[in-house]
Amino acid sequence: MAAPAVSIICLGACLTLSAALPVTGAALGAPETGQAAVLFNPSATPSQLALAAASAGVEIVRFGGAPGTLIVHIDQPGGHDALRRAGAWLIADPVILGGCAVQPIKESRS
């Protein structure tokens, strides 16, 4: 009877790790400067997201494909700390978390 429980626990652990690794990799791959995807509270309105970005001193490139997600351009080191103070839950590689469902607000910098 213990063997099925162990199998279920192992399967659950494997599924959790396989789901968490891409997000962890995206967060670890977040650039200090340049473009980054930022996840805020998904219930935040677009104007709340814009205000949070402005208070962090970052430039909005576009809204991400998921609710509460912005693609921003960080000019200065320390932008991650400013974004966290503004309410960011996660700062990640924009290619992984940015999505492509929404058109850019402005062109990204080269």
N, C-alpha and C. Protein backbone atom coordinates (compact mmCIF):
# COMPACT_ATOMS: atom_id res chain seq x y z
N MET A 1 0.80 -1.18 0.00
CA MET A 1 0.00 0.00 0.00
C MET A 1 0.86 1.26 0.00
N ALA A 2 2.04 1.18 0.57
CA ALA A 2 2.92 2.35 0.61
C ALA A 2 3.56 2.62 -0.75
N ALA A 3 3.74 1.58 -1.56
CA ALA A 3 4.39 1.74 -2.87
C ALA A 3 3.59 2.66 -3.79
N PRO A 4 2.25 2.53 -3.90
CA PRO A 4 1.51 3.47 -4.76
C PRO A 4 1.62 4.91 -4.26
N ALA A 5 1.62 5.10 -2.96
CA ALA A 5 1.74 6.45 -2.41
C ALA A 5 3.09 7.08 -2.78
N VAL A 6 4.15 6.29 -2.69
CA VAL A 6 5.47 6.77 -3.05
C VAL A 6 5.52 7.12 -4.54
N SER A 7 4.91 6.27 -5.37
CA SER A 7 4.87 6.53 -6.81
C SER A 7 4.12 7.82 -7.12
N ILE A 8 3.02 8.03 -6.45
CA ILE A 8 2.23 9.25 -6.67
C ILE A 8 3.02 10.47 -6.23
N ILE A 9 3.70 10.37 -5.10
CA ILE A 9 4.51 11.49 -4.62
C ILE A 9 5.65 11.79 -5.59
N CYS A 10 6.31 10.76 -6.08
CA CYS A 10 7.41 10.95 -7.04
C CYS A 10 6.90 11.57 -8.33
N LEU A 11 5.77 11.08 -8.83
CA LEU A 11 5.18 11.63 -10.04
C LEU A 11 4.82 13.10 -9.84
N GLY A 12 4.23 13.41 -8.72
CA GLY A 12 3.88 14.80 -8.41
C GLY A 12 5.11 15.69 -8.34
N ALA A 13 6.17 15.19 -7.73
CA ALA A 13 7.42 15.96 -7.64
C ALA A 13 8.01 16.20 -9.02
N CYS A 14 7.98 15.18 -9.88
CA CYS A 14 8.51 15.33 -11.24
C CYS A 14 7.71 16.35 -12.04
N LEU A 15 6.39 16.28 -11.93
CA LEU A 15 5.55 17.25 -12.65
C LEU A 15 5.76 18.67 -12.14
N THR A 16 5.89 18.83 -10.84
CA THR A 16 6.14 20.15 -10.27
C THR A 16 7.47 20.71 -10.75
N LEU A 17 8.51 19.89 -10.73
CA LEU A 17 9.82 20.35 -11.19
C LEU A 17 9.81 20.70 -12.67
N SER A 18 9.14 19.88 -13.49
CA SER A 18 9.12 20.16 -14.92
C SER A 18 8.36 21.44 -15.23
N ALA A 19 7.38 21.79 -14.42
CA ALA A 19 6.65 23.04 -14.62
C ALA A 19 7.43 24.23 -14.08
N ALA A 20 8.17 24.02 -13.01
CA ALA A 20 8.88 25.13 -12.36
C ALA A 20 10.20 25.47 -13.02
N LEU A 21 10.85 24.53 -13.66
CA LEU A 21 12.17 24.79 -14.23
C LEU A 21 12.19 25.89 -15.29
N PRO A 22 11.24 25.93 -16.24
CA PRO A 22 11.28 27.04 -17.21
C PRO A 22 11.13 28.41 -16.56
N VAL A 23 10.26 28.51 -15.56
CA VAL A 23 10.08 29.79 -14.87
C VAL A 23 11.32 30.15 -14.09
N THR A 24 11.92 29.17 -13.43
CA THR A 24 13.15 29.41 -12.68
C THR A 24 14.27 29.84 -13.62
N GLY A 25 14.39 29.16 -14.75
CA GLY A 25 15.40 29.53 -15.74
C GLY A 25 15.17 30.91 -16.29
N ALA A 26 13.92 31.28 -16.51
CA ALA A 26 13.60 32.62 -17.01
C ALA A 26 13.96 33.67 -15.98
N ALA A 27 13.67 33.40 -14.72
CA ALA A 27 13.98 34.36 -13.67
C ALA A 27 15.49 34.50 -13.49
N LEU A 28 16.21 33.39 -13.56
CA LEU A 28 17.66 33.45 -13.41
C LEU A 28 18.31 34.12 -14.62
N GLY A 29 17.64 34.06 -15.78
CA GLY A 29 18.18 34.65 -16.99
C GLY A 29 17.77 36.09 -17.21
N ALA A 30 17.11 36.70 -16.23
CA ALA A 30 16.66 38.09 -16.38
C ALA A 30 17.86 39.02 -16.44
N PRO A 31 17.90 39.88 -17.46
CA PRO A 31 19.05 40.78 -17.59
C PRO A 31 19.01 41.90 -16.56
N GLU A 32 20.18 42.36 -16.15
CA GLU A 32 20.27 43.49 -15.20
C GLU A 32 19.83 44.78 -15.90
N THR A 33 20.22 44.93 -17.16
CA THR A 33 19.76 46.06 -17.96
C THR A 33 19.29 45.50 -19.30
N GLY A 34 18.53 46.29 -20.03
CA GLY A 34 17.95 45.84 -21.29
C GLY A 34 16.51 45.42 -21.07
N GLN A 35 15.98 44.63 -22.00
CA GLN A 35 14.59 44.23 -21.90
C GLN A 35 14.39 43.09 -20.92
N ALA A 36 13.27 43.16 -20.21
CA ALA A 36 12.90 42.11 -19.27
C ALA A 36 11.38 42.01 -19.24
N ALA A 37 10.88 40.81 -18.96
CA ALA A 37 9.46 40.61 -18.73
C ALA A 37 9.24 40.74 -17.23
N VAL A 38 8.19 41.46 -16.86
CA VAL A 38 7.91 41.69 -15.45
C VAL A 38 6.47 41.26 -15.18
N LEU A 39 6.32 40.39 -14.19
CA LEU A 39 4.99 39.93 -13.79
C LEU A 39 4.57 40.67 -12.53
N PHE A 40 3.45 41.37 -12.64
CA PHE A 40 2.81 42.02 -11.50
C PHE A 40 1.56 41.22 -11.15
N ASN A 41 0.78 41.70 -10.21
CA ASN A 41 -0.47 41.06 -9.87
C ASN A 41 -1.33 40.95 -11.13
N PRO A 42 -1.78 39.76 -11.50
CA PRO A 42 -2.56 39.60 -12.72
C PRO A 42 -3.87 40.37 -12.74
N SER A 43 -4.36 40.79 -11.59
CA SER A 43 -5.60 41.56 -11.56
C SER A 43 -5.35 43.07 -11.75
N ALA A 44 -4.10 43.47 -11.88
CA ALA A 44 -3.77 44.89 -12.07
C ALA A 44 -4.27 45.36 -13.43
N THR A 45 -4.77 46.58 -13.47
CA THR A 45 -5.24 47.17 -14.72
C THR A 45 -4.04 47.68 -15.52
N PRO A 46 -4.21 47.90 -16.82
CA PRO A 46 -3.10 48.45 -17.60
C PRO A 46 -2.59 49.78 -17.05
N SER A 47 -3.49 50.62 -16.54
CA SER A 47 -3.01 51.90 -15.98
C SER A 47 -2.21 51.68 -14.71
N GLN A 48 -2.59 50.69 -13.90
CA GLN A 48 -1.80 50.37 -12.69
C GLN A 48 -0.43 49.84 -13.07
N LEU A 49 -0.37 49.03 -14.13
CA LEU A 49 0.92 48.52 -14.60
C LEU A 49 1.80 49.66 -15.10
N ALA A 50 1.20 50.59 -15.84
CA ALA A 50 1.96 51.73 -16.34
C ALA A 50 2.48 52.60 -15.19
N LEU A 51 1.66 52.80 -14.18
CA LEU A 51 2.10 53.58 -13.02
C LEU A 51 3.23 52.87 -12.27
N ALA A 52 3.14 51.56 -12.15
CA ALA A 52 4.20 50.80 -11.47
C ALA A 52 5.51 50.92 -12.25
N ALA A 53 5.44 50.80 -13.57
CA ALA A 53 6.65 50.93 -14.40
C ALA A 53 7.24 52.33 -14.26
N ALA A 54 6.38 53.34 -14.28
CA ALA A 54 6.85 54.72 -14.15
C ALA A 54 7.50 54.95 -12.79
N SER A 55 6.90 54.39 -11.75
CA SER A 55 7.47 54.59 -10.41
C SER A 55 8.81 53.87 -10.26
N ALA A 56 9.02 52.81 -11.05
CA ALA A 56 10.30 52.08 -11.02
C ALA A 56 11.33 52.73 -11.94
N GLY A 57 10.91 53.69 -12.75
CA GLY A 57 11.85 54.37 -13.64
C GLY A 57 12.26 53.54 -14.84
N VAL A 58 11.39 52.61 -15.26
CA VAL A 58 11.68 51.80 -16.45
C VAL A 58 10.73 52.21 -17.56
N GLU A 59 11.10 51.87 -18.77
CA GLU A 59 10.34 52.23 -19.94
C GLU A 59 9.52 51.03 -20.41
N ILE A 60 8.23 51.22 -20.67
CA ILE A 60 7.40 50.14 -21.18
C ILE A 60 7.68 49.95 -22.67
N VAL A 61 7.96 48.71 -23.05
CA VAL A 61 8.11 48.35 -24.45
C VAL A 61 6.75 47.90 -24.98
N ARG A 62 6.09 47.01 -24.23
CA ARG A 62 4.76 46.56 -24.59
C ARG A 62 4.16 45.78 -23.43
N PHE A 63 2.87 45.51 -23.53
CA PHE A 63 2.21 44.64 -22.58
C PHE A 63 2.47 43.21 -23.00
N GLY A 64 2.63 42.32 -22.03
CA GLY A 64 2.88 40.91 -22.32
C GLY A 64 1.60 40.17 -22.66
N GLY A 65 1.75 38.92 -23.03
CA GLY A 65 0.61 38.11 -23.41
C GLY A 65 -0.24 37.66 -22.23
N ALA A 66 0.32 37.60 -21.04
CA ALA A 66 -0.40 37.16 -19.85
C ALA A 66 -0.85 38.37 -19.04
N PRO A 67 -1.98 38.26 -18.34
CA PRO A 67 -2.43 39.37 -17.50
C PRO A 67 -1.36 39.75 -16.47
N GLY A 68 -1.16 41.04 -16.30
CA GLY A 68 -0.19 41.53 -15.32
C GLY A 68 1.24 41.52 -15.79
N THR A 69 1.47 41.25 -17.07
CA THR A 69 2.84 41.15 -17.58
C THR A 69 3.18 42.35 -18.45
N LEU A 70 4.34 42.92 -18.21
CA LEU A 70 4.89 44.00 -19.02
C LEU A 70 6.25 43.58 -19.54
N ILE A 71 6.56 44.05 -20.73
CA ILE A 71 7.93 43.96 -21.24
C ILE A 71 8.47 45.38 -21.09
N VAL A 72 9.57 45.49 -20.37
CA VAL A 72 10.13 46.82 -20.08
C VAL A 72 11.58 46.88 -20.53
N HIS A 73 12.05 48.10 -20.64
CA HIS A 73 13.47 48.32 -20.90
C HIS A 73 14.06 48.95 -19.64
N ILE A 74 15.07 48.29 -19.08
CA ILE A 74 15.73 48.77 -17.86
C ILE A 74 17.03 49.45 -18.30
N ASP A 75 17.14 50.75 -18.02
CA ASP A 75 18.33 51.51 -18.42
C ASP A 75 19.48 51.41 -17.43
N GLN A 76 19.16 51.38 -16.15
CA GLN A 76 20.18 51.46 -15.11
C GLN A 76 20.24 50.19 -14.27
N PRO A 77 21.44 49.80 -13.81
CA PRO A 77 21.50 48.73 -12.82
C PRO A 77 20.68 49.14 -11.60
N GLY A 78 20.08 48.19 -10.94
CA GLY A 78 19.21 48.50 -9.80
C GLY A 78 17.74 48.56 -10.21
N GLY A 79 17.47 48.38 -11.49
CA GLY A 79 16.10 48.40 -11.97
C GLY A 79 15.25 47.28 -11.39
N HIS A 80 15.87 46.14 -11.13
CA HIS A 80 15.14 45.01 -10.54
C HIS A 80 14.62 45.38 -9.16
N ASP A 81 15.46 46.02 -8.36
CA ASP A 81 15.03 46.41 -7.01
C ASP A 81 13.90 47.42 -7.09
N ALA A 82 14.00 48.38 -8.01
CA ALA A 82 12.95 49.38 -8.16
C ALA A 82 11.64 48.73 -8.61
N LEU A 83 11.72 47.75 -9.50
CA LEU A 83 10.52 47.04 -9.94
C LEU A 83 9.88 46.25 -8.80
N ARG A 84 10.71 45.63 -7.98
CA ARG A 84 10.17 44.88 -6.84
C ARG A 84 9.49 45.83 -5.85
N ARG A 85 10.07 46.98 -5.62
CA ARG A 85 9.44 47.98 -4.75
C ARG A 85 8.12 48.46 -5.34
N ALA A 86 8.02 48.45 -6.66
CA ALA A 86 6.79 48.88 -7.34
C ALA A 86 5.75 47.75 -7.40
N GLY A 87 6.08 46.57 -6.89
CA GLY A 87 5.11 45.49 -6.82
C GLY A 87 5.35 44.31 -7.75
N ALA A 88 6.50 44.25 -8.42
CA ALA A 88 6.78 43.13 -9.33
C ALA A 88 6.88 41.82 -8.55
N TRP A 89 6.26 40.80 -9.07
CA TRP A 89 6.34 39.47 -8.48
C TRP A 89 7.51 38.69 -9.06
N LEU A 90 7.79 38.89 -10.35
CA LEU A 90 8.83 38.12 -11.03
C LEU A 90 9.40 38.98 -12.14
N ILE A 91 10.71 38.95 -12.29
CA ILE A 91 11.41 39.64 -13.38
C ILE A 91 12.16 38.56 -14.13
N ALA A 92 11.92 38.47 -15.44
CA ALA A 92 12.43 37.32 -16.18
C ALA A 92 12.88 37.70 -17.59
N ASP A 93 13.45 36.71 -18.24
CA ASP A 93 13.83 36.82 -19.64
C ASP A 93 12.57 37.11 -20.46
N PRO A 94 12.56 38.16 -21.27
CA PRO A 94 11.34 38.52 -22.01
C PRO A 94 10.95 37.51 -23.08
N VAL A 95 11.88 36.76 -23.60
CA VAL A 95 11.56 35.78 -24.64
C VAL A 95 10.70 34.66 -24.05
N ILE A 96 10.96 34.28 -22.83
CA ILE A 96 10.24 33.17 -22.22
C ILE A 96 8.88 33.60 -21.70
N LEU A 97 8.80 34.73 -21.01
CA LEU A 97 7.54 35.13 -20.39
C LEU A 97 6.78 36.22 -21.13
N GLY A 98 7.38 36.82 -22.15
CA GLY A 98 6.73 37.95 -22.80
C GLY A 98 5.51 37.61 -23.61
N GLY A 99 5.50 36.48 -24.26
CA GLY A 99 4.38 36.14 -25.12
C GLY A 99 4.37 37.03 -26.34
N CYS A 100 3.48 36.74 -27.26
CA CYS A 100 3.45 37.53 -28.49
C CYS A 100 2.04 37.94 -28.87
N ALA A 101 1.12 37.92 -27.91
CA ALA A 101 -0.28 38.17 -28.22
C ALA A 101 -0.61 39.65 -28.39
N VAL A 102 0.23 40.55 -27.91
CA VAL A 102 -0.09 41.97 -27.93
C VAL A 102 0.95 42.71 -28.75
N GLN A 103 0.50 43.67 -29.55
CA GLN A 103 1.42 44.46 -30.36
C GLN A 103 2.25 45.38 -29.47
N PRO A 104 3.46 45.72 -29.89
CA PRO A 104 4.31 46.59 -29.09
C PRO A 104 3.73 47.99 -28.96
N ILE A 105 3.99 48.61 -27.81
CA ILE A 105 3.64 50.01 -27.62
C ILE A 105 4.65 50.87 -28.38
N LYS A 106 5.88 50.50 -28.29
CA LYS A 106 6.94 51.18 -29.04
C LYS A 106 7.99 50.16 -29.41
N GLU A 107 8.75 50.45 -30.41
CA GLU A 107 9.78 49.54 -30.86
C GLU A 107 10.86 49.39 -29.80
N SER A 108 11.42 48.20 -29.69
CA SER A 108 12.49 47.99 -28.74
C SER A 108 13.77 48.61 -29.27
N ARG A 109 14.66 48.88 -28.36
CA ARG A 109 15.95 49.47 -28.71
C ARG A 109 16.88 48.42 -29.26
N SER A 110 17.78 48.82 -30.13
CA SER A 110 18.74 47.87 -30.69
C SER A 110 19.94 47.75 -29.79
